[in-house]
Amino acid sequence: MKSILAPIILLASLVLGGCDSLPNQAGGRPGPPPETSREFLADPRSVYDAALVSLAQMEFKVTGGGPAQGKITAVSGLRSNVGLQSTRQITLKATITPAGDGGSVVEVVLKEAVEEDSENRLGFATERPLLDTPYYEVFLNGITQALANPKKD
């Protein structure tokens, strides 16, 4: 009985004990998740305009939303691998809401769509959230810079 019980206990402890050692993000770097929202000391319309500037600098194309809705959707360009067998595109969805102090809060969600076999399975892409990417920081910092340096008409 002892010979059977010991391996079962060992296996159970390895399975249950190993769960805490896994990273919170699949395939991600250790450490805190990227910042996906930020508060700005500007009205929602100014933040919306600054977000458009940031997206243009990132070479993303705006595909929807508007200042009255407080939403922006955008996509990156298509990226192909060397053999043109797969393509990749990043989608960005940002929501801009008024904050209590007269500022605005921007929340960002990034996803990656990958089409593995573009030649034979055109239009069949898988989409997954991007959890560990500098795009969040680049977008939010771009808004900060655009607010600090507004365009002069």
Foldseek 3Di string as FASTA:
>chain_A
DVVVVVVVVVVVCCVVVCVVVDAPDVVADDDDWDDQKDKDQAAQVLLVVLLVQLCVVVQWAWDDDDSVQQKTKTKHDWDADPVSQKIKMKIKIWGWDADPVNIIMIGIWMKMWMDRGCVPDPPDTDIDTDTHDCPSVSSVVSSVVCSVPPDDD
